[in-house]
């Protein structure tokens, strides 16, 4: 029989801990980090891992041009920067030929009521020869349209609807929601919260901007040849048939804006039944009417007055 083993003969104490020789990893001591063997063992491992890391790096799929092809491609062409003033000057279209005048001029024929030429007038300066500003003209039109709004929409608020001001029931003890008035906006037939009330939508517009916008609109009409200048405009009787005959003889088939001082009221009564004809005095000349009508009918005696009022 083999002698009995002493308890604890197969174990040894190391640093206060029992270590068994048969235990694998616990029996081995970790090598010092600064030892030569540790450095020698880590070098081949790093050498083996280096190619793996290089292989694992992502490869770009972007196609690059060959050196020969890149050399054949011409360099992008860059144009010289043009100053803003030159670009603006080239963007403005040329003035078209005016009927009865020279190409690119603002010289108009003066006609009589029978469409016969009796003279010529030069409008190459003043309100009829400025550069139109589209943004400024748009602002003037928006201002006029806002001023034409009625602003009569109205709703009744809590203080305006009919109903008693008495509290329907007491505050507590009924089990119902608390309420103070039957005119509450939460109830049917109650007031409206933040509803529209009568107001004016018009606003002030700078006088210089209004004059510049009107000058641009008149210049655009003059450049398109839509101005007709008469030596005089008068009717013997306030008849619509007489006004239609004058417009037909002048060849004005579309909408017409007549700018003339009607002291007797004959022109106003003769043209008020024509839907496409509008009569305004010189102080009432505006951008919206100039753009809304196809033709503008002027009297030679009013040209100077237009310049005095709107220049």
C-alpha atoms as a PDB file:
ATOM      1  CA  UNK A   1       0.000   0.000   0.000  1.00  0.00           C
ATOM      2  CA  UNK A   2       1.232   3.411  -0.846  1.00  0.00           C
ATOM      3  CA  UNK A   3       1.767   5.756   2.012  1.00  0.00           C
ATOM      4  CA  UNK A   4      -1.026   8.298   2.478  1.00  0.00           C
ATOM      5  CA  UNK A   5      -0.367  11.714   1.126  1.00  0.00           C
ATOM      6  CA  UNK A   6      -0.096  14.509   3.460  1.00  0.00           C
ATOM      7  CA  UNK A   7      -2.772  17.083   3.098  1.00  0.00           C
ATOM      8  CA  UNK A   8      -1.248  19.879   1.207  1.00  0.00           C
ATOM      9  CA  UNK A   9       1.811  17.986  -0.038  1.00  0.00           C
ATOM     10  CA  UNK A  10       0.787  18.597  -3.694  1.00  0.00           C
ATOM     11  CA  UNK A  11       0.395  22.366  -3.277  1.00  0.00           C
ATOM     12  CA  UNK A  12       2.765  25.125  -2.526  1.00  0.00           C
ATOM     13  CA  UNK A  13       2.182  28.595  -1.283  1.00  0.00           C
ATOM     14  CA  UNK A  14       3.345  31.514  -3.311  1.00  0.00           C
ATOM     15  CA  UNK A  15       2.674  34.991  -2.040  1.00  0.00           C
ATOM     16  CA  UNK A  16      -0.057  33.765   0.312  1.00  0.00           C
ATOM     17  CA  UNK A  17      -1.955  31.902  -2.503  1.00  0.00           C
ATOM     18  CA  UNK A  18      -2.084  28.145  -3.057  1.00  0.00           C
ATOM     19  CA  UNK A  19      -0.855  27.097  -6.477  1.00  0.00           C
ATOM     20  CA  UNK A  20      -1.339  23.600  -7.914  1.00  0.00           C
ATOM     21  CA  UNK A  21       1.345  22.320 -10.305  1.00  0.00           C
ATOM     22  CA  UNK A  22      -1.287  20.718 -12.540  1.00  0.00           C
ATOM     23  CA  UNK A  23      -3.100  23.998 -13.134  1.00  0.00           C
ATOM     24  CA  UNK A  24      -2.118  25.338 -16.569  1.00  0.00           C
ATOM     25  CA  UNK A  25      -2.191  29.123 -16.870  1.00  0.00           C
ATOM     26  CA  UNK A  26      -2.115  29.818 -13.152  1.00  0.00           C
ATOM     27  CA  UNK A  27       1.252  28.045 -12.809  1.00  0.00           C
ATOM     28  CA  UNK A  28       2.993  30.187 -15.399  1.00  0.00           C
ATOM     29  CA  UNK A  29       4.340  33.517 -14.328  1.00  0.00           C
ATOM     30  CA  UNK A  30       3.833  36.450 -16.646  1.00  0.00           C
ATOM     31  CA  UNK A  31       7.040  37.603 -18.232  1.00  0.00           C
ATOM     32  CA  UNK A  32       8.317  41.035 -17.408  1.00  0.00           C
ATOM     33  CA  UNK A  33       7.275  43.688 -19.864  1.00  0.00           C
ATOM     34  CA  UNK A  34      10.774  45.042 -20.205  1.00  0.00           C
ATOM     35  CA  UNK A  35      12.571  41.713 -20.705  1.00  0.00           C
ATOM     36  CA  UNK A  36      14.530  40.688 -23.780  1.00  0.00           C
ATOM     37  CA  UNK A  37      12.456  37.547 -24.284  1.00  0.00           C
ATOM     38  CA  UNK A  38       9.234  39.545 -24.354  1.00  0.00           C
ATOM     39  CA  UNK A  39      10.642  41.869 -27.020  1.00  0.00           C
ATOM     40  CA  UNK A  40      11.929  38.963 -29.104  1.00  0.00           C
ATOM     41  CA  UNK A  41       8.575  37.202 -28.860  1.00  0.00           C
ATOM     42  CA  UNK A  42       6.594  40.299 -29.833  1.00  0.00           C
ATOM     43  CA  UNK A  43       8.677  41.134 -32.929  1.00  0.00           C
ATOM     44  CA  UNK A  44       7.656  38.181 -35.105  1.00  0.00           C
ATOM     45  CA  UNK A  45       4.018  38.623 -34.090  1.00  0.00           C
ATOM     46  CA  UNK A  46       4.054  42.253 -35.190  1.00  0.00           C
ATOM     47  CA  UNK A  47       5.745  41.261 -38.433  1.00  0.00           C
ATOM     48  CA  UNK A  48       3.012  38.714 -39.105  1.00  0.00           C
ATOM     49  CA  UNK A  49       0.181  41.141 -38.316  1.00  0.00           C
ATOM     50  CA  UNK A  50       1.549  43.957 -40.465  1.00  0.00           C
ATOM     51  CA  UNK A  51       0.543  42.450 -43.832  1.00  0.00           C
ATOM     52  CA  UNK A  52      -2.915  41.573 -42.475  1.00  0.00           C
ATOM     53  CA  UNK A  53      -3.554  45.159 -41.488  1.00  0.00           C
ATOM     54  CA  UNK A  54      -2.369  46.376 -44.867  1.00  0.00           C
ATOM     55  CA  UNK A  55      -4.652  43.921 -46.606  1.00  0.00           C
ATOM     56  CA  UNK A  56      -7.614  44.898 -44.452  1.00  0.00           C
ATOM     57  CA  UNK A  57      -7.326  48.597 -45.337  1.00  0.00           C
ATOM     58  CA  UNK A  58     -10.238  49.736 -47.556  1.00  0.00           C
ATOM     59  CA  UNK A  59      -9.392  50.147 -51.195  1.00  0.00           C
ATOM     60  CA  UNK A  60     -10.838  53.189 -52.952  1.00  0.00           C
ATOM     61  CA  UNK A  61     -13.036  52.251 -55.945  1.00  0.00           C
ATOM     62  CA  UNK A  62     -12.783  55.701 -57.491  1.00  0.00           C
ATOM     63  CA  UNK A  63     -11.450  55.512 -61.016  1.00  0.00           C
ATOM     64  CA  UNK A  64      -8.417  57.626 -61.621  1.00  0.00           C
ATOM     65  CA  UNK A  65      -7.465  58.765 -65.057  1.00  0.00           C
ATOM     66  CA  UNK A  66      -4.298  57.419 -66.563  1.00  0.00           C
ATOM     67  CA  UNK A  67      -1.375  59.846 -66.771  1.00  0.00           C
ATOM     68  CA  UNK A  68      -1.570  59.889 -70.567  1.00  0.00           C
ATOM     69  CA  UNK A  69      -5.314  60.623 -70.577  1.00  0.00           C
ATOM     70  CA  UNK A  70      -4.953  63.333 -67.939  1.00  0.00           C
ATOM     71  CA  UNK A  71      -2.324  65.028 -70.065  1.00  0.00           C
ATOM     72  CA  UNK A  72      -4.627  65.013 -73.146  1.00  0.00           C
ATOM     73  CA  UNK A  73      -7.532  66.684 -71.366  1.00  0.00           C
ATOM     74  CA  UNK A  74      -7.577  70.475 -71.960  1.00  0.00           C
ATOM     75  CA  UNK A  75      -7.544  72.736 -68.961  1.00  0.00           C
ATOM     76  CA  UNK A  76     -10.904  74.325 -68.042  1.00  0.00           C
ATOM     77  CA  UNK A  77     -11.412  77.629 -69.732  1.00  0.00           C
ATOM     78  CA  UNK A  78     -11.979  80.576 -67.436  1.00  0.00           C
ATOM     79  CA  UNK A  79     -13.480  83.759 -68.776  1.00  0.00           C
ATOM     80  CA  UNK A  80     -12.465  87.101 -67.469  1.00  0.00           C
ATOM     81  CA  UNK A  81     -14.839  88.598 -64.910  1.00  0.00           C
ATOM     82  CA  UNK A  82     -17.126  91.267 -66.347  1.00  0.00           C
ATOM     83  CA  UNK A  83     -17.916  94.280 -64.187  1.00  0.00           C
ATOM     84  CA  UNK A  84     -21.484  94.569 -62.896  1.00  0.00           C
ATOM     85  CA  UNK A  85     -22.119  97.797 -64.786  1.00  0.00           C
ATOM     86  CA  UNK A  86     -21.154  96.224 -68.118  1.00  0.00           C
ATOM     87  CA  UNK A  87     -23.363  93.180 -67.460  1.00  0.00           C
ATOM     88  CA  UNK A  88     -26.331  95.409 -66.631  1.00  0.00           C
ATOM     89  CA  UNK A  89     -25.789  97.461 -69.761  1.00  0.00           C
ATOM     90  CA  UNK A  90     -25.679  94.406 -72.004  1.00  0.00           C
ATOM     91  CA  UNK A  91     -28.748  92.792 -70.349  1.00  0.00           C
ATOM     92  CA  UNK A  92     -31.098  95.648 -71.247  1.00  0.00           C
ATOM     93  CA  UNK A  93     -32.787  94.965 -74.609  1.00  0.00           C
ATOM     94  CA  UNK A  94     -32.438  97.518 -77.354  1.00  0.00           C
ATOM     95  CA  UNK A  95     -35.247  99.962 -77.924  1.00  0.00           C
ATOM     96  CA  UNK A  96     -37.419  98.709 -80.826  1.00  0.00           C
ATOM     97  CA  UNK A  97     -38.306 100.786 -83.832  1.00  0.00           C
ATOM     98  CA  UNK A  98     -41.068 103.282 -83.110  1.00  0.00           C
ATOM     99  CA  UNK A  99     -43.773 103.610 -85.794  1.00  0.00           C
ATOM    100  CA  UNK A 100     -43.190 106.796 -87.747  1.00  0.00           C
ATOM    101  CA  UNK A 101     -39.748 107.371 -86.238  1.00  0.00           C
ATOM    102  CA  UNK A 102     -36.156 106.363 -86.667  1.00  0.00           C
ATOM    103  CA  UNK A 103     -34.766 103.042 -85.464  1.00  0.00           C
ATOM    104  CA  UNK A 104     -33.987 103.113 -81.749  1.00  0.00           C
ATOM    105  CA  UNK A 105     -35.334 106.658 -81.280  1.00  0.00           C
ATOM    106  CA  UNK A 106     -38.154 108.086 -79.195  1.00  0.00           C
ATOM    107  CA  UNK A 107     -39.544 110.359 -81.884  1.00  0.00           C
ATOM    108  CA  UNK A 108     -43.291 109.922 -82.358  1.00  0.00           C
ATOM    109  CA  UNK A 109     -45.696 111.174 -84.981  1.00  0.00           C
ATOM    110  CA  UNK A 110     -48.362 113.640 -83.840  1.00  0.00           C
ATOM    111  CA  UNK A 111     -51.743 112.628 -85.270  1.00  0.00           C
ATOM    112  CA  UNK A 112     -55.121 114.254 -85.405  1.00  0.00           C
ATOM    113  CA  UNK A 113     -58.449 112.560 -84.683  1.00  0.00           C
ATOM    114  CA  UNK A 114     -58.631 111.372 -88.307  1.00  0.00           C
ATOM    115  CA  UNK A 115     -55.284 109.532 -87.934  1.00  0.00           C
ATOM    116  CA  UNK A 116     -53.474 112.026 -90.162  1.00  0.00           C
ATOM    117  CA  UNK A 117     -49.886 113.034 -89.433  1.00  0.00           C
ATOM    118  CA  UNK A 118     -49.611 116.688 -88.453  1.00  0.00           C
ATOM    119  CA  UNK A 119     -46.166 116.815 -86.804  1.00  0.00           C
ATOM    120  CA  UNK A 120     -43.528 115.035 -84.736  1.00  0.00           C
ATOM    121  CA  UNK A 121     -42.556 115.115 -81.069  1.00  0.00           C
ATOM    122  CA  UNK A 122     -39.292 114.032 -79.448  1.00  0.00           C
ATOM    123  CA  UNK A 123     -39.581 112.050 -76.203  1.00  0.00           C
ATOM    124  CA  UNK A 124     -35.931 111.024 -75.928  1.00  0.00           C
ATOM    125  CA  UNK A 125     -35.532 112.746 -72.551  1.00  0.00           C
ATOM    126  CA  UNK A 126     -37.433 112.926 -69.307  1.00  0.00           C
ATOM    127  CA  UNK A 127     -39.983 110.375 -68.135  1.00  0.00           C
ATOM    128  CA  UNK A 128     -40.113 108.511 -71.448  1.00  0.00           C
ATOM    129  CA  UNK A 129     -36.381 107.726 -71.748  1.00  0.00           C
ATOM    130  CA  UNK A 130     -35.342 106.163 -68.429  1.00  0.00           C
ATOM    131  CA  UNK A 131     -34.142 102.642 -67.696  1.00  0.00           C
ATOM    132  CA  UNK A 132     -37.044 100.540 -66.326  1.00  0.00           C
ATOM    133  CA  UNK A 133     -36.464  99.010 -62.902  1.00  0.00           C
ATOM    134  CA  UNK A 134     -38.562  95.844 -62.718  1.00  0.00           C
ATOM    135  CA  UNK A 135     -38.259  95.471 -58.941  1.00  0.00           C
ATOM    136  CA  UNK A 136     -39.313  99.058 -58.314  1.00  0.00           C
ATOM    137  CA  UNK A 137     -42.271  98.776 -60.688  1.00  0.00           C
ATOM    138  CA  UNK A 138     -43.354  95.601 -58.902  1.00  0.00           C
ATOM    139  CA  UNK A 139     -43.278  97.374 -55.547  1.00  0.00           C
ATOM    140  CA  UNK A 140     -45.467 100.174 -56.890  1.00  0.00           C
ATOM    141  CA  UNK A 141     -48.014  97.720 -58.307  1.00  0.00           C
ATOM    142  CA  UNK A 142     -48.188  95.766 -55.044  1.00  0.00           C
ATOM    143  CA  UNK A 143     -48.722  99.024 -53.137  1.00  0.00           C
ATOM    144  CA  UNK A 144     -51.594 100.030 -55.422  1.00  0.00           C
ATOM    145  CA  UNK A 145     -53.258  96.630 -55.196  1.00  0.00           C
ATOM    146  CA  UNK A 146     -52.996  96.710 -51.405  1.00  0.00           C
ATOM    147  CA  UNK A 147     -54.592 100.157 -51.320  1.00  0.00           C
ATOM    148  CA  UNK A 148     -57.508  98.919 -53.441  1.00  0.00           C
ATOM    149  CA  UNK A 149     -58.465  96.218 -50.927  1.00  0.00           C
ATOM    150  CA  UNK A 150     -61.715  96.950 -49.119  1.00  0.00           C
ATOM    151  CA  UNK A 151     -60.703  95.474 -45.786  1.00  0.00           C
ATOM    152  CA  UNK A 152     -64.368  95.114 -44.769  1.00  0.00           C
ATOM    153  CA  UNK A 153     -64.149  91.582 -43.309  1.00  0.00           C
ATOM    154  CA  UNK A 154     -65.512  91.585 -39.762  1.00  0.00           C
ATOM    155  CA  UNK A 155     -66.289  89.044 -37.039  1.00  0.00           C
ATOM    156  CA  UNK A 156     -67.912  89.430 -33.622  1.00  0.00           C
ATOM    157  CA  UNK A 157     -65.841  88.899 -30.544  1.00  0.00           C
ATOM    158  CA  UNK A 158     -66.871  87.810 -27.096  1.00  0.00           C
ATOM    159  CA  UNK A 159     -68.119  91.265 -26.162  1.00  0.00           C
ATOM    160  CA  UNK A 160     -70.159  91.708 -29.374  1.00  0.00           C
ATOM    161  CA  UNK A 161     -72.186  88.496 -29.651  1.00  0.00           C
ATOM    162  CA  UNK A 162     -75.644  88.337 -28.117  1.00  0.00           C
ATOM    163  CA  UNK A 163     -76.122  86.570 -24.805  1.00  0.00           C
ATOM    164  CA  UNK A 164     -76.374  87.175 -21.103  1.00  0.00           C
ATOM    165  CA  UNK A 165     -73.382  87.922 -18.942  1.00  0.00           C
ATOM    166  CA  UNK A 166     -74.762  85.891 -16.051  1.00  0.00           C
ATOM    167  CA  UNK A 167     -72.837  82.863 -14.871  1.00  0.00           C
ATOM    168  CA  UNK A 168     -74.804  79.777 -16.020  1.00  0.00           C
ATOM    169  CA  UNK A 169     -74.261  77.794 -12.816  1.00  0.00           C
ATOM    170  CA  UNK A 170     -72.238  77.992  -9.689  1.00  0.00           C
ATOM    171  CA  UNK A 171     -68.539  77.298  -9.687  1.00  0.00           C
ATOM    172  CA  UNK A 172     -68.479  74.146  -7.554  1.00  0.00           C
ATOM    173  CA  UNK A 173     -70.774  71.339  -6.560  1.00  0.00           C
ATOM    174  CA  UNK A 174     -72.537  70.580  -9.821  1.00  0.00           C
ATOM    175  CA  UNK A 175     -70.004  68.157 -11.308  1.00  0.00           C
ATOM    176  CA  UNK A 176     -69.927  70.106 -14.537  1.00  0.00           C
ATOM    177  CA  UNK A 177     -67.053  72.079 -16.026  1.00  0.00           C
ATOM    178  CA  UNK A 178     -66.682  75.586 -14.690  1.00  0.00           C
ATOM    179  CA  UNK A 179     -67.889  78.313 -17.018  1.00  0.00           C
ATOM    180  CA  UNK A 180     -68.393  82.042 -16.629  1.00  0.00           C
ATOM    181  CA  UNK A 181     -70.464  83.093 -19.657  1.00  0.00           C
ATOM    182  CA  UNK A 182     -72.417  81.586 -22.522  1.00  0.00           C
ATOM    183  CA  UNK A 183     -70.588  83.991 -24.870  1.00  0.00           C
ATOM    184  CA  UNK A 184     -67.334  82.092 -24.374  1.00  0.00           C
ATOM    185  CA  UNK A 185     -65.521  81.162 -27.618  1.00  0.00           C
ATOM    186  CA  UNK A 186     -65.668  77.530 -26.469  1.00  0.00           C
ATOM    187  CA  UNK A 187     -69.432  77.463 -26.767  1.00  0.00           C
ATOM    188  CA  UNK A 188     -71.565  77.302 -29.893  1.00  0.00           C
ATOM    189  CA  UNK A 189     -72.727  80.788 -30.733  1.00  0.00           C
ATOM    190  CA  UNK A 190     -69.903  82.333 -28.758  1.00  0.00           C
ATOM    191  CA  UNK A 191     -67.434  84.972 -29.854  1.00  0.00           C
ATOM    192  CA  UNK A 192     -64.597  84.525 -32.353  1.00  0.00           C
ATOM    193  CA  UNK A 193     -61.019  84.631 -31.141  1.00  0.00           C
ATOM    194  CA  UNK A 194     -58.624  86.860 -33.115  1.00  0.00           C
ATOM    195  CA  UNK A 195     -61.042  87.192 -36.034  1.00  0.00           C
ATOM    196  CA  UNK A 196     -60.662  89.796 -38.794  1.00  0.00           C
ATOM    197  CA  UNK A 197     -61.882  93.330 -38.200  1.00  0.00           C
ATOM    198  CA  UNK A 198     -62.289  96.225 -40.669  1.00  0.00           C
ATOM    199  CA  UNK A 199     -58.900  97.678 -41.489  1.00  0.00           C
ATOM    200  CA  UNK A 200     -57.031  99.465 -44.233  1.00  0.00           C
ATOM    201  CA  UNK A 201     -54.306  97.620 -46.132  1.00  0.00           C
ATOM    202  CA  UNK A 202     -52.797 100.700 -47.758  1.00  0.00           C
ATOM    203  CA  UNK A 203     -49.413 102.033 -46.766  1.00  0.00           C
ATOM    204  CA  UNK A 204     -47.258 105.010 -47.611  1.00  0.00           C
ATOM    205  CA  UNK A 205     -44.941 104.786 -50.606  1.00  0.00           C
ATOM    206  CA  UNK A 206     -41.941 107.120 -51.023  1.00  0.00           C
ATOM    207  CA  UNK A 207     -42.609 109.839 -53.582  1.00  0.00           C
ATOM    208  CA  UNK A 208     -39.264 109.414 -55.325  1.00  0.00           C
ATOM    209  CA  UNK A 209     -39.831 105.702 -55.745  1.00  0.00           C
ATOM    210  CA  UNK A 210     -43.313 106.309 -57.153  1.00  0.00           C
ATOM    211  CA  UNK A 211     -41.957 108.788 -59.706  1.00  0.00           C
ATOM    212  CA  UNK A 212     -39.131 106.451 -60.726  1.00  0.00           C
ATOM    213  CA  UNK A 213     -41.546 103.520 -61.129  1.00  0.00           C
ATOM    214  CA  UNK A 214     -43.918 105.591 -63.276  1.00  0.00           C
ATOM    215  CA  UNK A 215     -41.041 106.827 -65.418  1.00  0.00           C
ATOM    216  CA  UNK A 216     -39.882 103.259 -65.957  1.00  0.00           C
ATOM    217  CA  UNK A 217     -43.376 102.099 -66.959  1.00  0.00           C
ATOM    218  CA  UNK A 218     -43.821 104.976 -69.410  1.00  0.00           C
ATOM    219  CA  UNK A 219     -40.375 104.370 -70.882  1.00  0.00           C
ATOM    220  CA  UNK A 220     -41.188 100.706 -71.409  1.00  0.00           C
ATOM    221  CA  UNK A 221     -44.390 101.627 -73.254  1.00  0.00           C
ATOM    222  CA  UNK A 222     -42.519 104.183 -75.348  1.00  0.00           C
ATOM    223  CA  UNK A 223     -39.847 101.642 -76.219  1.00  0.00           C
ATOM    224  CA  UNK A 224     -42.498  99.171 -77.389  1.00  0.00           C
ATOM    225  CA  UNK A 225     -44.208 101.798 -79.554  1.00  0.00           C
ATOM    226  CA  UNK A 226     -47.503 101.716 -77.625  1.00  0.00           C
ATOM    227  CA  UNK A 227     -47.786 105.502 -77.256  1.00  0.00           C
ATOM    228  CA  UNK A 228     -50.110 107.527 -79.472  1.00  0.00           C
ATOM    229  CA  UNK A 229     -49.833 111.320 -79.409  1.00  0.00           C
ATOM    230  CA  UNK A 230     -52.724 113.487 -80.623  1.00  0.00           C
ATOM    231  CA  UNK A 231     -52.727 117.191 -81.303  1.00  0.00           C
ATOM    232  CA  UNK A 232     -56.172 117.585 -79.689  1.00  0.00           C
ATOM    233  CA  UNK A 233     -58.961 115.387 -78.328  1.00  0.00           C
ATOM    234  CA  UNK A 234     -62.522 116.654 -78.090  1.00  0.00           C
ATOM    235  CA  UNK A 235     -66.015 115.424 -78.934  1.00  0.00           C
ATOM    236  CA  UNK A 236     -69.028 117.452 -79.997  1.00  0.00           C
ATOM    237  CA  UNK A 237     -71.436 115.188 -78.092  1.00  0.00           C
ATOM    238  CA  UNK A 238     -70.914 112.757 -75.202  1.00  0.00           C
ATOM    239  CA  UNK A 239     -71.679 109.733 -77.329  1.00  0.00           C
ATOM    240  CA  UNK A 240     -70.032 106.343 -76.939  1.00  0.00           C
ATOM    241  CA  UNK A 241     -70.325 105.789 -80.685  1.00  0.00           C
ATOM    242  CA  UNK A 242     -68.196 108.878 -81.348  1.00  0.00           C
ATOM    243  CA  UNK A 243     -65.457 107.666 -78.990  1.00  0.00           C
ATOM    244  CA  UNK A 244     -65.440 104.216 -80.596  1.00  0.00           C
ATOM    245  CA  UNK A 245     -65.093 105.833 -84.026  1.00  0.00           C
ATOM    246  CA  UNK A 246     -62.048 107.844 -82.927  1.00  0.00           C
ATOM    247  CA  UNK A 247     -60.333 104.779 -81.468  1.00  0.00           C
ATOM    248  CA  UNK A 248     -61.045 102.717 -84.590  1.00  0.00           C
ATOM    249  CA  UNK A 249     -59.604 105.371 -86.889  1.00  0.00           C
ATOM    250  CA  UNK A 250     -56.423 105.443 -84.785  1.00  0.00           C
ATOM    251  CA  UNK A 251     -56.114 101.652 -84.963  1.00  0.00           C
ATOM    252  CA  UNK A 252     -56.350 101.109 -81.186  1.00  0.00           C
ATOM    253  CA  UNK A 253     -58.029  97.731 -80.987  1.00  0.00           C
ATOM    254  CA  UNK A 254     -57.021  96.702 -77.449  1.00  0.00           C
ATOM    255  CA  UNK A 255     -57.350  98.394 -74.085  1.00  0.00           C
ATOM    256  CA  UNK A 256     -56.607 102.119 -74.102  1.00  0.00           C
ATOM    257  CA  UNK A 257     -55.567 104.509 -71.341  1.00  0.00           C
ATOM    258  CA  UNK A 258     -56.472 108.107 -72.187  1.00  0.00           C
ATOM    259  CA  UNK A 259     -54.447 110.681 -70.276  1.00  0.00           C
ATOM    260  CA  UNK A 260     -56.162 114.051 -70.681  1.00  0.00           C
ATOM    261  CA  UNK A 261     -57.805 116.771 -68.611  1.00  0.00           C
ATOM    262  CA  UNK A 262     -61.530 116.545 -69.310  1.00  0.00           C
ATOM    263  CA  UNK A 263     -62.850 119.918 -68.210  1.00  0.00           C
ATOM    264  CA  UNK A 264     -66.306 119.608 -69.802  1.00  0.00           C
ATOM    265  CA  UNK A 265     -66.896 115.965 -68.844  1.00  0.00           C
ATOM    266  CA  UNK A 266     -67.710 114.973 -72.412  1.00  0.00           C
ATOM    267  CA  UNK A 267     -64.925 112.416 -72.707  1.00  0.00           C
ATOM    268  CA  UNK A 268     -65.793 110.830 -69.375  1.00  0.00           C
ATOM    269  CA  UNK A 269     -69.432 110.288 -70.373  1.00  0.00           C
ATOM    270  CA  UNK A 270     -68.460 109.037 -73.829  1.00  0.00           C
ATOM    271  CA  UNK A 271     -65.971 106.467 -72.521  1.00  0.00           C
ATOM    272  CA  UNK A 272     -67.516 105.246 -69.276  1.00  0.00           C
ATOM    273  CA  UNK A 273     -69.532 102.533 -71.055  1.00  0.00           C
ATOM    274  CA  UNK A 274     -66.412 101.144 -72.757  1.00  0.00           C
ATOM    275  CA  UNK A 275     -64.949  98.388 -70.641  1.00  0.00           C
ATOM    276  CA  UNK A 276     -61.440  98.597 -72.088  1.00  0.00           C
ATOM    277  CA  UNK A 277     -61.105 102.381 -72.052  1.00  0.00           C
ATOM    278  CA  UNK A 278     -59.964 104.321 -68.980  1.00  0.00           C
ATOM    279  CA  UNK A 279     -59.769 108.096 -68.723  1.00  0.00           C
ATOM    280  CA  UNK A 280     -57.424 109.665 -66.145  1.00  0.00           C
ATOM    281  CA  UNK A 281     -56.086 113.136 -65.560  1.00  0.00           C
ATOM    282  CA  UNK A 282     -52.354 113.861 -65.357  1.00  0.00           C
ATOM    283  CA  UNK A 283     -52.230 113.830 -61.521  1.00  0.00           C
ATOM    284  CA  UNK A 284     -54.069 110.478 -61.544  1.00  0.00           C
ATOM    285  CA  UNK A 285     -51.560 108.783 -63.809  1.00  0.00           C
ATOM    286  CA  UNK A 286     -50.241 105.646 -62.083  1.00  0.00           C
ATOM    287  CA  UNK A 287     -48.108 102.582 -62.746  1.00  0.00           C
ATOM    288  CA  UNK A 288     -50.919 100.051 -62.495  1.00  0.00           C
ATOM    289  CA  UNK A 289     -53.050 101.671 -65.205  1.00  0.00           C
ATOM    290  CA  UNK A 290     -50.051 102.129 -67.491  1.00  0.00           C
ATOM    291  CA  UNK A 291     -49.202  98.429 -67.320  1.00  0.00           C
ATOM    292  CA  UNK A 292     -52.808  97.199 -67.388  1.00  0.00           C
ATOM    293  CA  UNK A 293     -53.601  98.843 -70.734  1.00  0.00           C
ATOM    294  CA  UNK A 294     -52.090  98.004 -74.092  1.00  0.00           C
ATOM    295  CA  UNK A 295     -52.078 101.515 -75.578  1.00  0.00           C
ATOM    296  CA  UNK A 296     -51.637 104.951 -74.031  1.00  0.00           C
ATOM    297  CA  UNK A 297     -53.315 107.896 -75.730  1.00  0.00           C
ATOM    298  CA  UNK A 298     -51.731 111.264 -74.937  1.00  0.00           C
ATOM    299  CA  UNK A 299     -52.432 114.810 -76.037  1.00  0.00           C
ATOM    300  CA  UNK A 300     -49.479 116.938 -77.052  1.00  0.00           C
ATOM    301  CA  UNK A 301     -50.500 119.775 -74.766  1.00  0.00           C
ATOM    302  CA  UNK A 302     -50.396 117.438 -71.746  1.00  0.00           C
ATOM    303  CA  UNK A 303     -46.827 116.216 -72.301  1.00  0.00           C
ATOM    304  CA  UNK A 304     -45.300 119.272 -70.672  1.00  0.00           C
ATOM    305  CA  UNK A 305     -47.727 119.029 -67.780  1.00  0.00           C
ATOM    306  CA  UNK A 306     -46.837 115.385 -67.238  1.00  0.00           C
ATOM    307  CA  UNK A 307     -43.195 116.344 -66.947  1.00  0.00           C
ATOM    308  CA  UNK A 308     -43.973 119.108 -64.469  1.00  0.00           C
ATOM    309  CA  UNK A 309     -46.109 116.931 -62.215  1.00  0.00           C
ATOM    310  CA  UNK A 310     -44.120 113.684 -62.227  1.00  0.00           C
ATOM    311  CA  UNK A 311     -40.516 114.712 -62.890  1.00  0.00           C
END
